[in-house]
Amino acid sequence: MIKRSFFGLQKPRLEYDIVSAAAPEPREISASETVQLFSNTVFDKKDQVALQPGDEVKTGQKLTILKESEDYVISPVTGTITSISPCTGDFGVQMTSIIINRKDKEEKDGRFNEISKTPSLQNTKDFLAGLPGVLPSALFSESDRKIDTIVINGMDTDLLVNTKQYIVKTSTSAIKKGIQILKEITGIENFVIAVPEALSLEASSTGAAVKTVSSIYPKALPHLVLKEILGKEIPAGSSFEELGVLLIGAEAVASLGTAYTTNEIPTKKIITVIDKHGFKKLISTILGTPLKDIFSALSISAEDSDRIIIGGPMTGSSVYTEDHPICNDTDAVIVQDRNVIPFISDNACINCGECVRICPAKVPANMLVRFLEVSQYEEAADSYDLFSCIECGLCSYVCTAKIPIFQYIRLAKYELARIHAAEAENV
């Protein structure tokens, strides 16, 4: 829901969709023929490759591309590897694509079953790092930073999305088990679960301290959740872990609980799908399912010049093929009709001040974007609070000149991280 002031002097009021008490069960959708997985491993001809096209794989099998690498993906199906090839992600990030032709007869890999009866941080790192919902890498870090609080986010961070809320509503026993496992393997005792007020009763049965989150966007974004429920503000450029806090999504905690309860690695993802008419459906599908299979099952037609967005309308990213797969961090998929796609321009800023007025972090976005447009990223960070941005997308939403401010900010942060990493390697 969007509410605007008649006079245009107040901020527009955007509200999260809260999952209804009678939310239907997610529709089960299966991949028709193939699944595609993305690995962070990049290799060349000189590397010793552990996987080859033609290899047979089982459901739940750990797939490592390089023999000495710790990076892995879990096969969600039984089948035959048909392709292992380089691919490019957001901002040109290099990855490896693994395509598996699935078989009808499922055969499960038993290696996790053998060790799942003795939960440990190492076993979790070795088999469950790619769980649906994504366990944060900081959970497995050997850093000296002392984590004393784990916050479970049961509120979806973007508009129109109900994925995390549905997990809290229907999987409290799995979340409770996940919390017990996390306490056992980390030694951390302080757990907080952040949910909308409508789900506070369900959340109370998880055993975590319940804190409610406002339904006004962007109150469910991680930085604002931390400030609202713990009274802590993260300095620009700092991380949650530096303040002793680890933030984990509700689906990841539920998946962890399910893994150690069933002794099997979960490979299904809950997703909110929003069609061109704005109608929403919750679905459940295996990781790696191509979007075209989901669209076909839901009778959604993505035509030329329509836009496919992974994520919500404020912070999601466009993809350009229906072959794109569902990943473990995919909470929503939106299909926008080409006739209603918001206009984007390269017009100059007109200094209307809307972006400054609406920014929850008080970033001078009107000045910041001038430097980002000409790739002066260091100046933008040093002088105009680039790293104070919490990436809510409100600046782009209200921009009178239709400048994609949010996208400029994401690009700048990525480029600076890449530059600083390269500098650190050369020291």
Foldseek 3Di string as FASTA:
>chain_A
DWAADPVRPDFIWDFADADDPCADDAAEFEFDWKFKDKWLDDDDPVFAFPDDFFDWDAAQDWHDGGPPDLTTDGHRATFTWHDWAWDADPPRRIIIMTMGTHDPDHDHDQPLLVCLLPQALVSCSNRPQFAQQGDDPVSNDPDPQAAQEEEEEQDAQFHPFCFSVVCLSPQLVLLLLLVVSSCVHPVHDAYEYEEAPVSQVSNVSSVHHYDYFGRTPRCSQPQNVCCVPVVDHAPQPGDPSNVNYHYGYSRSSSQNSVCSVVVGRDFKYWAWEAAQVRDIGIHIYGWRRFQVSVCVVVVGDQDPQKWKWQGHPQQTDTDDDSRDTHGSNGHYIYIHDNVPPDDADPDQQPPPCSLQNPQPLNFPLNVLVVCLVVPVLVCSVPPTPLRSHSLRNVSCVPRPNNHSSSVSSVSSVVVVVVVVVVVVVVD
